[in-house]
C-alpha atoms as a PDB file:
ATOM      1  CA  MET A   1      -6.530 -12.209   3.219  1.00  0.00           C
ATOM      2  CA  LYS A   2      -4.597 -11.222   0.113  1.00  0.00           C
ATOM      3  CA  PHE A   3      -0.911 -10.490   0.663  1.00  0.00           C
ATOM      4  CA  TYR A   4       0.997  -8.293  -1.785  1.00  0.00           C
ATOM      5  CA  LEU A   5       4.715  -8.891  -2.043  1.00  0.00           C
ATOM      6  CA  GLY A   6       6.419  -5.503  -2.074  1.00  0.00           C
ATOM      7  CA  VAL A   7       9.144  -5.279  -4.724  1.00  0.00           C
ATOM      8  CA  HIS A   8      11.473  -2.561  -5.947  1.00  0.00           C
ATOM      9  CA  GLN A   9      12.287  -4.076  -9.357  1.00  0.00           C
ATOM     10  CA  PRO A  10       9.426  -3.459 -11.824  1.00  0.00           C
ATOM     11  CA  ILE A  11      10.790  -6.167 -14.139  1.00  0.00           C
ATOM     12  CA  TRP A  12       9.620  -8.714 -11.570  1.00  0.00           C
ATOM     13  CA  LEU A  13       6.096  -7.984 -12.800  1.00  0.00           C
ATOM     14  CA  THR A  14       7.061 -10.039 -15.862  1.00  0.00           C
ATOM     15  CA  ARG A  15       8.586 -12.905 -13.872  1.00  0.00           C
ATOM     16  CA  VAL A  16       6.032 -13.712 -11.177  1.00  0.00           C
ATOM     17  CA  PRO A  17       2.784 -14.934 -12.741  1.00  0.00           C
ATOM     18  CA  ASP A  18       0.797 -15.941  -9.677  1.00  0.00           C
ATOM     19  CA  ILE A  19       1.669 -13.662  -6.716  1.00  0.00           C
ATOM     20  CA  PRO A  20       0.162 -10.191  -6.156  1.00  0.00           C
ATOM     21  CA  LEU A  21       2.885  -7.534  -6.140  1.00  0.00           C
ATOM     22  CA  LEU A  22       3.131  -3.990  -4.793  1.00  0.00           C
ATOM     23  CA  VAL A  23       5.332  -1.531  -6.706  1.00  0.00           C
ATOM     24  CA  SER A  24       6.045   2.100  -5.884  1.00  0.00           C
ATOM     25  CA  HIS A  25       5.431   4.998  -8.236  1.00  0.00           C
ATOM     26  CA  ARG A  26       8.966   6.095  -7.373  1.00  0.00           C
ATOM     27  CA  ARG A  27      10.277   2.961  -9.132  1.00  0.00           C
ATOM     28  CA  LEU A  28       8.154   3.485 -12.240  1.00  0.00           C
ATOM     29  CA  GLY A  29       7.812   7.202 -12.861  1.00  0.00           C
ATOM     30  CA  HIS A  30      11.206   7.732 -14.491  1.00  0.00           C
ATOM     31  CA  ARG A  31      11.002   4.764 -16.886  1.00  0.00           C
ATOM     32  CA  ARG A  32      10.646   5.321 -20.629  1.00  0.00           C
ATOM     33  CA  THR A  33       9.400   1.780 -21.172  1.00  0.00           C
ATOM     34  CA  LEU A  34       7.296  -0.249 -18.783  1.00  0.00           C
ATOM     35  CA  PRO A  35       7.048  -4.016 -18.265  1.00  0.00           C
ATOM     36  CA  ARG A  36       3.871  -5.877 -19.159  1.00  0.00           C
ATOM     37  CA  ALA A  37       2.608  -7.532 -15.988  1.00  0.00           C
ATOM     38  CA  LEU A  38       1.830 -11.217 -15.753  1.00  0.00           C
ATOM     39  CA  THR A  39       0.172 -10.818 -12.384  1.00  0.00           C
ATOM     40  CA  GLU A  40      -2.129  -8.568 -10.422  1.00  0.00           C
ATOM     41  CA  TRP A  41      -0.336  -5.666  -8.807  1.00  0.00           C
ATOM     42  CA  ALA A  42      -1.030  -2.537  -6.795  1.00  0.00           C
ATOM     43  CA  LEU A  43       0.620   0.866  -6.918  1.00  0.00           C
ATOM     44  CA  ASP A  44       2.098   2.494  -3.841  1.00  0.00           C
ATOM     45  CA  SER A  45       2.436   6.248  -4.229  1.00  0.00           C
ATOM     46  CA  GLY A  46       5.799   6.408  -2.438  1.00  0.00           C
ATOM     47  CA  GLY A  47       4.392   9.089  -0.168  1.00  0.00           C
ATOM     48  CA  PHE A  48       6.533   8.404   2.879  1.00  0.00           C
ATOM     49  CA  THR A  49       9.764   8.857   0.949  1.00  0.00           C
ATOM     50  CA  GLU A  50       8.371  11.856  -0.945  1.00  0.00           C
ATOM     51  CA  LEU A  51       7.454  13.712   2.239  1.00  0.00           C
ATOM     52  CA  GLN A  52      10.555  12.591   4.086  1.00  0.00           C
ATOM     53  CA  LEU A  53      12.804  13.954   1.337  1.00  0.00           C
ATOM     54  CA  HIS A  54      10.935  17.093   0.327  1.00  0.00           C
ATOM     55  CA  GLY A  55       8.351  17.902   2.999  1.00  0.00           C
ATOM     56  CA  ARG A  56       5.700  18.079   0.283  1.00  0.00           C
ATOM     57  CA  TRP A  57       4.498  16.373  -2.871  1.00  0.00           C
ATOM     58  CA  GLN A  58       6.537  17.445  -5.879  1.00  0.00           C
ATOM     59  CA  ILE A  59       4.174  15.927  -8.433  1.00  0.00           C
ATOM     60  CA  ASN A  60       0.744  17.500  -8.878  1.00  0.00           C
ATOM     61  CA  GLU A  61      -2.531  15.615  -9.188  1.00  0.00           C
ATOM     62  CA  LYS A  62      -2.778  15.889 -12.961  1.00  0.00           C
ATOM     63  CA  ASP A  63       0.702  14.497 -13.500  1.00  0.00           C
ATOM     64  CA  TYR A  64       0.099  11.701 -11.005  1.00  0.00           C
ATOM     65  CA  VAL A  65      -3.132  10.748 -12.782  1.00  0.00           C
ATOM     66  CA  ARG A  66      -1.269  10.795 -16.104  1.00  0.00           C
ATOM     67  CA  ALA A  67       1.355   8.439 -14.651  1.00  0.00           C
ATOM     68  CA  VAL A  68      -1.193   6.044 -13.147  1.00  0.00           C
ATOM     69  CA  ARG A  69      -3.154   5.917 -16.396  1.00  0.00           C
ATOM     70  CA  ARG A  70       0.037   5.031 -18.214  1.00  0.00           C
ATOM     71  CA  TYR A  71       0.761   2.241 -15.736  1.00  0.00           C
ATOM     72  CA  SER A  72      -2.777   0.925 -16.093  1.00  0.00           C
ATOM     73  CA  ASP A  73      -2.645   0.948 -19.883  1.00  0.00           C
ATOM     74  CA  GLU A  74       0.929  -0.182 -20.507  1.00  0.00           C
ATOM     75  CA  ILE A  75       1.616  -2.516 -17.570  1.00  0.00           C
ATOM     76  CA  GLY A  76      -1.914  -3.838 -17.192  1.00  0.00           C
ATOM     77  CA  HIS A  77      -3.454  -5.845 -14.337  1.00  0.00           C
ATOM     78  CA  LEU A  78      -3.496  -2.826 -11.993  1.00  0.00           C
ATOM     79  CA  ALA A  79      -5.743  -3.760  -9.056  1.00  0.00           C
ATOM     80  CA  TRP A  80      -5.648  -0.420  -7.245  1.00  0.00           C
ATOM     81  CA  ALA A  81      -3.555   2.683  -6.729  1.00  0.00           C
ATOM     82  CA  ALA A  82      -2.806   4.602  -3.563  1.00  0.00           C
ATOM     83  CA  PRO A  83      -3.495   8.341  -3.582  1.00  0.00           C
ATOM     84  CA  GLN A  84      -0.938  11.027  -2.793  1.00  0.00           C
ATOM     85  CA  ASP A  85      -1.643  10.694   0.903  1.00  0.00           C
ATOM     86  CA  TRP A  86       0.096  12.415   3.811  1.00  0.00           C
ATOM     87  CA  MET A  87       1.558  10.158   6.511  1.00  0.00           C
ATOM     88  CA  CYS A  88       1.377  11.192  10.164  1.00  0.00           C
ATOM     89  CA  GLU A  89       4.545   9.825  11.748  1.00  0.00           C
ATOM     90  CA  PRO A  90       6.122  12.438  14.060  1.00  0.00           C
ATOM     91  CA  SER A  91       9.217  12.588  11.849  1.00  0.00           C
ATOM     92  CA  ILE A  92       7.081  13.379   8.804  1.00  0.00           C
ATOM     93  CA  LEU A  93       5.070  16.017  10.651  1.00  0.00           C
ATOM     94  CA  LYS A  94       8.332  17.638  11.696  1.00  0.00           C
ATOM     95  CA  ARG A  95       9.501  17.605   8.087  1.00  0.00           C
ATOM     96  CA  THR A  96       6.321  19.160   6.678  1.00  0.00           C
ATOM     97  CA  GLY A  97       5.703  21.531   9.595  1.00  0.00           C
ATOM     98  CA  LEU A  98       1.998  20.663   9.476  1.00  0.00           C
ATOM     99  CA  THR A  99      -0.459  19.071  11.917  1.00  0.00           C
ATOM    100  CA  VAL A 100      -2.121  15.660  11.827  1.00  0.00           C
ATOM    101  CA  ARG A 101      -5.417  17.379  10.988  1.00  0.00           C
ATOM    102  CA  GLU A 102      -3.883  19.180   8.033  1.00  0.00           C
ATOM    103  CA  HIS A 103      -2.307  15.955   6.753  1.00  0.00           C
ATOM    104  CA  GLN A 104      -5.699  14.290   6.968  1.00  0.00           C
ATOM    105  CA  ARG A 105      -7.419  17.162   5.200  1.00  0.00           C
ATOM    106  CA  ARG A 106      -4.885  17.042   2.368  1.00  0.00           C
ATOM    107  CA  THR A 107      -5.159  13.256   2.104  1.00  0.00           C
ATOM    108  CA  VAL A 108      -8.938  13.357   1.683  1.00  0.00           C
ATOM    109  CA  ARG A 109      -8.821  16.349  -0.647  1.00  0.00           C
ATOM    110  CA  ASN A 110      -6.286  14.567  -2.846  1.00  0.00           C
ATOM    111  CA  LEU A 111      -8.445  11.475  -3.272  1.00  0.00           C
ATOM    112  CA  VAL A 112     -11.448  13.603  -4.181  1.00  0.00           C
ATOM    113  CA  ARG A 113      -9.393  15.471  -6.756  1.00  0.00           C
ATOM    114  CA  LEU A 114      -7.876  12.315  -8.255  1.00  0.00           C
ATOM    115  CA  ARG A 115     -11.313  10.812  -8.691  1.00  0.00           C
ATOM    116  CA  GLU A 116     -12.604  13.987 -10.267  1.00  0.00           C
ATOM    117  CA  LEU A 117      -9.756  13.870 -12.784  1.00  0.00           C
ATOM    118  CA  ALA A 118      -9.941  10.112 -13.431  1.00  0.00           C
ATOM    119  CA  PRO A 119     -13.123   8.430 -12.178  1.00  0.00           C
ATOM    120  CA  ASP A 120     -12.202   5.278 -14.102  1.00  0.00           C
ATOM    121  CA  LEU A 121      -8.890   4.663 -12.328  1.00  0.00           C
ATOM    122  CA  PRO A 122      -8.924   2.508  -9.149  1.00  0.00           C
ATOM    123  CA  PHE A 123      -7.713   5.031  -6.568  1.00  0.00           C
ATOM    124  CA  VAL A 124      -8.472   3.866  -3.021  1.00  0.00           C
ATOM    125  CA  PRO A 125      -9.054   5.991   0.084  1.00  0.00           C
ATOM    126  CA  VAL A 126      -6.401   5.811   2.776  1.00  0.00           C
ATOM    127  CA  LEU A 127      -7.009   6.584   6.437  1.00  0.00           C
ATOM    128  CA  GLN A 128      -4.236   8.559   8.103  1.00  0.00           C
ATOM    129  CA  GLY A 129      -3.679   9.499  11.734  1.00  0.00           C
ATOM    130  CA  TRP A 130      -1.806   8.516  14.864  1.00  0.00           C
ATOM    131  CA  THR A 131      -4.366   7.739  17.576  1.00  0.00           C
ATOM    132  CA  ILE A 132      -7.610   5.876  17.046  1.00  0.00           C
ATOM    133  CA  ALA A 133      -9.459   9.172  17.484  1.00  0.00           C
ATOM    134  CA  ASP A 134      -7.365  10.595  14.634  1.00  0.00           C
ATOM    135  CA  TYR A 135      -8.368   7.774  12.322  1.00  0.00           C
ATOM    136  CA  GLN A 136     -12.018   8.141  13.264  1.00  0.00           C
ATOM    137  CA  ARG A 137     -11.772  11.830  12.405  1.00  0.00           C
ATOM    138  CA  CYS A 138     -10.180  11.001   9.058  1.00  0.00           C
ATOM    139  CA  ALA A 139     -13.036   8.609   8.276  1.00  0.00           C
ATOM    140  CA  ASP A 140     -15.492  11.385   9.107  1.00  0.00           C
ATOM    141  CA  LEU A 141     -13.707  13.683   6.653  1.00  0.00           C
ATOM    142  CA  TYR A 142     -14.208  11.132   3.898  1.00  0.00           C
ATOM    143  CA  TYR A 143     -17.912  10.836   4.670  1.00  0.00           C
ATOM    144  CA  ARG A 144     -18.267  14.616   4.618  1.00  0.00           C
ATOM    145  CA  ALA A 145     -16.606  14.598   1.201  1.00  0.00           C
ATOM    146  CA  GLY A 146     -19.257  12.175  -0.037  1.00  0.00           C
ATOM    147  CA  ILE A 147     -17.115   9.015   0.122  1.00  0.00           C
ATOM    148  CA  ASP A 148     -18.870   6.076   1.791  1.00  0.00           C
ATOM    149  CA  LEU A 149     -16.012   3.990   3.156  1.00  0.00           C
ATOM    150  CA  GLU A 150     -18.217   0.987   3.863  1.00  0.00           C
ATOM    151  CA  ALA A 151     -19.077   0.826   0.163  1.00  0.00           C
ATOM    152  CA  GLU A 152     -15.460   1.050  -0.979  1.00  0.00           C
ATOM    153  CA  PRO A 153     -13.851  -2.159  -2.270  1.00  0.00           C
ATOM    154  CA  LEU A 154     -10.721  -1.324  -0.257  1.00  0.00           C
ATOM    155  CA  VAL A 155      -9.697   1.227   2.366  1.00  0.00           C
ATOM    156  CA  GLY A 156      -6.007   1.629   3.147  1.00  0.00           C
ATOM    157  CA  VAL A 157      -4.710   2.241   6.657  1.00  0.00           C
ATOM    158  CA  GLY A 158      -1.507   4.270   6.676  1.00  0.00           C
ATOM    159  CA  THR A 159       1.072   5.338   9.267  1.00  0.00           C
ATOM    160  CA  VAL A 160       1.166   1.840  10.742  1.00  0.00           C
ATOM    161  CA  CYS A 161       4.191   0.183   9.117  1.00  0.00           C
ATOM    162  CA  ARG A 162       6.738   1.256  11.723  1.00  0.00           C
ATOM    163  CA  ARG A 163       4.469   0.428  14.669  1.00  0.00           C
ATOM    164  CA  GLN A 164       2.416  -2.405  13.180  1.00  0.00           C
ATOM    165  CA  HIS A 165       2.853  -4.692  16.206  1.00  0.00           C
ATOM    166  CA  LYS A 166       1.606  -2.088  18.721  1.00  0.00           C
ATOM    167  CA  ALA A 167      -1.667  -2.614  20.562  1.00  0.00           C
ATOM    168  CA  VAL A 168      -3.018   0.709  19.281  1.00  0.00           C
ATOM    169  CA  VAL A 169      -2.695  -0.475  15.676  1.00  0.00           C
ATOM    170  CA  GLU A 170      -4.608  -3.657  16.458  1.00  0.00           C
ATOM    171  CA  GLU A 171      -7.291  -1.509  18.080  1.00  0.00           C
ATOM    172  CA  ILE A 172      -7.483   0.678  14.977  1.00  0.00           C
ATOM    173  CA  MET A 173      -7.746  -2.276  12.602  1.00  0.00           C
ATOM    174  CA  ARG A 174     -10.391  -4.065  14.614  1.00  0.00           C
ATOM    175  CA  ALA A 175     -12.432  -0.902  15.116  1.00  0.00           C
ATOM    176  CA  PHE A 176     -12.768  -0.298  11.391  1.00  0.00           C
ATOM    177  CA  ALA A 177     -13.160  -3.977  10.514  1.00  0.00           C
ATOM    178  CA  SER A 178     -16.156  -4.039  12.862  1.00  0.00           C
ATOM    179  CA  ARG A 179     -17.669  -1.300  10.679  1.00  0.00           C
ATOM    180  CA  ASN A 180     -17.364  -3.626   7.660  1.00  0.00           C
ATOM    181  CA  PHE A 181     -14.499  -1.717   6.054  1.00  0.00           C
ATOM    182  CA  SER A 182     -12.417  -3.808   3.636  1.00  0.00           C
ATOM    183  CA  LEU A 183      -9.023  -2.856   5.009  1.00  0.00           C
ATOM    184  CA  HIS A 184      -5.564  -2.883   3.476  1.00  0.00           C
ATOM    185  CA  GLY A 185      -2.717  -2.586   5.963  1.00  0.00           C
ATOM    186  CA  PHE A 186       0.324  -0.865   4.483  1.00  0.00           C
ATOM    187  CA  GLY A 187       3.578  -2.538   5.461  1.00  0.00           C
ATOM    188  CA  ILE A 188       2.103  -5.054   7.906  1.00  0.00           C
ATOM    189  CA  LYS A 189       4.640  -7.739   8.671  1.00  0.00           C
ATOM    190  CA  LEU A 190       4.263 -11.014  10.558  1.00  0.00           C
ATOM    191  CA  GLY A 191       4.322  -9.277  13.925  1.00  0.00           C
ATOM    192  CA  GLY A 192       1.121  -7.476  13.054  1.00  0.00           C
ATOM    193  CA  LEU A 193      -0.461 -10.232  11.000  1.00  0.00           C
ATOM    194  CA  SER A 194      -0.164 -12.640  13.906  1.00  0.00           C
ATOM    195  CA  GLN A 195      -2.340 -10.258  15.941  1.00  0.00           C
ATOM    196  CA  TYR A 196      -5.049  -9.054  13.552  1.00  0.00           C
ATOM    197  CA  ALA A 197      -4.752 -10.640  10.095  1.00  0.00           C
ATOM    198  CA  GLU A 198      -8.414 -11.618  10.210  1.00  0.00           C
ATOM    199  CA  ALA A 199      -9.369  -7.930  10.389  1.00  0.00           C
ATOM    200  CA  LEU A 200      -7.679  -7.225   7.040  1.00  0.00           C
ATOM    201  CA  SER A 201      -8.773  -7.862   3.488  1.00  0.00           C
ATOM    202  CA  SER A 202      -5.205  -7.395   2.280  1.00  0.00           C
ATOM    203  CA  SER A 203      -1.744  -6.313   3.329  1.00  0.00           C
ATOM    204  CA  ASP A 204       1.731  -5.853   1.901  1.00  0.00           C
ATOM    205  CA  SER A 205       5.334  -5.877   2.976  1.00  0.00           C
ATOM    206  CA  MET A 206       8.824  -5.893   1.537  1.00  0.00           C
ATOM    207  CA  SER A 207      10.588  -6.595   4.795  1.00  0.00           C
ATOM    208  CA  TRP A 208      12.232  -9.509   2.994  1.00  0.00           C
ATOM    209  CA  SER A 209      14.594  -6.949   1.429  1.00  0.00           C
ATOM    210  CA  ARG A 210      15.641  -5.491   4.769  1.00  0.00           C
ATOM    211  CA  ARG A 211      16.247  -8.987   6.117  1.00  0.00           C
ATOM    212  CA  GLY A 212      18.157  -9.903   2.978  1.00  0.00           C
ATOM    213  CA  ARG A 213      20.727  -7.164   3.608  1.00  0.00           C
ATOM    214  CA  TYR A 214      22.213  -9.406   6.276  1.00  0.00           C
ATOM    215  CA  VAL A 215      22.166 -12.638   4.252  1.00  0.00           C
ATOM    216  CA  PRO A 216      25.111 -13.477   1.956  1.00  0.00           C
ATOM    217  CA  GLY A 217      24.166 -13.502  -1.709  1.00  0.00           C
ATOM    218  CA  CYS A 218      23.166 -16.731  -3.389  1.00  0.00           C
ATOM    219  CA  GLY A 219      25.544 -16.192  -6.298  1.00  0.00           C
ATOM    220  CA  PRO A 220      28.457 -14.119  -7.603  1.00  0.00           C
ATOM    221  CA  SER A 221      26.156 -11.320  -8.777  1.00  0.00           C
ATOM    222  CA  HIS A 222      24.500 -10.939  -5.364  1.00  0.00           C
ATOM    223  CA  ARG A 223      26.552  -9.506  -2.536  1.00  0.00           C
ATOM    224  CA  THR A 224      23.481  -9.850  -0.306  1.00  0.00           C
ATOM    225  CA  GLU A 225      19.934 -11.121  -0.778  1.00  0.00           C
ATOM    226  CA  SER A 226      18.291  -7.686  -0.493  1.00  0.00           C
ATOM    227  CA  ASN A 227      17.486  -7.677  -4.208  1.00  0.00           C
ATOM    228  CA  CYS A 228      17.032 -11.369  -4.964  1.00  0.00           C
ATOM    229  CA  LEU A 229      13.811 -12.688  -6.492  1.00  0.00           C
ATOM    230  CA  ARG A 230      14.472 -16.203  -5.242  1.00  0.00           C
ATOM    231  CA  PHE A 231      14.941 -14.930  -1.680  1.00  0.00           C
ATOM    232  CA  ALA A 232      11.781 -12.764  -1.933  1.00  0.00           C
ATOM    233  CA  LEU A 233       9.675 -15.689  -3.159  1.00  0.00           C
ATOM    234  CA  SER A 234      11.006 -17.943  -0.416  1.00  0.00           C
ATOM    235  CA  TRP A 235      10.035 -15.308   2.157  1.00  0.00           C
ATOM    236  CA  TYR A 236       6.589 -15.010   0.567  1.00  0.00           C
ATOM    237  CA  ARG A 237       6.052 -18.763   0.824  1.00  0.00           C
ATOM    238  CA  GLN A 238       6.918 -18.551   4.520  1.00  0.00           C
ATOM    239  CA  ILE A 239       4.220 -15.894   4.899  1.00  0.00           C
ATOM    240  CA  GLN A 240       1.750 -18.189   3.138  1.00  0.00           C
ATOM    241  CA  THR A 241       2.637 -21.068   5.430  1.00  0.00           C
ATOM    242  CA  THR A 242       2.287 -18.910   8.542  1.00  0.00           C
ATOM    243  CA  LEU A 243      -1.073 -17.516   7.472  1.00  0.00           C
ATOM    244  CA  GLY A 244      -2.250 -20.947   6.371  1.00  0.00           C
ATOM    245  CA  SER A 245      -1.496 -22.403   9.798  1.00  0.00           C
ATOM    246  CA  ALA A 246      -3.663 -19.643  11.251  1.00  0.00           C
ATOM    247  CA  GLY A 247      -6.523 -20.517   8.900  1.00  0.00           C
ATOM    248  CA  LEU A 248      -5.883 -17.535   6.617  1.00  0.00           C
ATOM    249  CA  SER A 249      -4.711 -17.439   3.016  1.00  0.00           C
ATOM    250  CA  ALA A 250      -2.156 -15.107   1.514  1.00  0.00           C
ATOM    251  CA  ASP A 251      -3.890 -15.484  -1.842  1.00  0.00           C
ATOM    252  CA  GLY A 252      -6.803 -13.333  -2.857  1.00  0.00           C
ATOM    253  CA  PRO A 253     -10.070 -14.676  -4.249  1.00  0.00           C
ATOM    254  CA  SER A 254      -9.738 -12.741  -7.500  1.00  0.00           C
ATOM    255  CA  SER A 255      -7.098 -11.292  -9.789  1.00  0.00           C
ATOM    256  CA  GLU A 256      -9.501  -8.784 -11.316  1.00  0.00           C
ATOM    257  CA  PRO A 257      -8.841  -5.060 -10.749  1.00  0.00           C
ATOM    258  CA  LEU A 258     -11.075  -3.379  -8.225  1.00  0.00           C
ATOM    259  CA  ALA A 259     -14.009  -1.503  -9.659  1.00  0.00           C
ATOM    260  CA  ARG A 260     -14.294   1.867  -7.979  1.00  0.00           C
ATOM    261  CA  VAL A 261     -17.569   2.477  -6.189  1.00  0.00           C
ATOM    262  CA  ALA A 262     -19.214   5.685  -7.329  1.00  0.00           C
END
């Protein structure tokens, strides 16, 4: 299983040569200049924060494609990019005023549109829902749109970060893994990985930063460790050790970007 270290400082792409990183569009979109990556990385769309703040996406598909193409060209080593998906946490539904079904419909429609605009960019489908029946319905929507999830190099599973240790999330992951989906779990921490890491092809987390808020800084410039590369890498090595003891690897078999399946 490949594990992406979530980071909020894009410059770290130039300082970590051998660890896959996950960076949010919200940390890149405003930058005039972009770092040149030394490592494989994936793009998170920042959808949870976008919907939490605004109740809708403020960037349209064309502008998002333009941004992702820029990241791919200027940063390089982009493995995959999340679409402008719609999370289904109750707090987000309350903010948007929409239903789970409508969030799913918009999520699938967005991926279709992004791929129409940029078939060469590595946008991945993301399943959204709350119950396992919801996720099954979302998968059906993708198939109806002509997207064969079993043939996709990666399928994200969203709306699980804040409940990743729950039994229902394990049920969801195992159900789709049994259908030979190559799954990416967004925001899956050790609590979840200890239960179903073998069902995932990849995962990510930046819970090191939350933990670091409560750790005194390692030097005069760091009040806490919430933004410390050394602390983040130490946490990542702990993840590697934990997964290794379970017979799983936090390193992926390849650093090549995913080729989108037509």
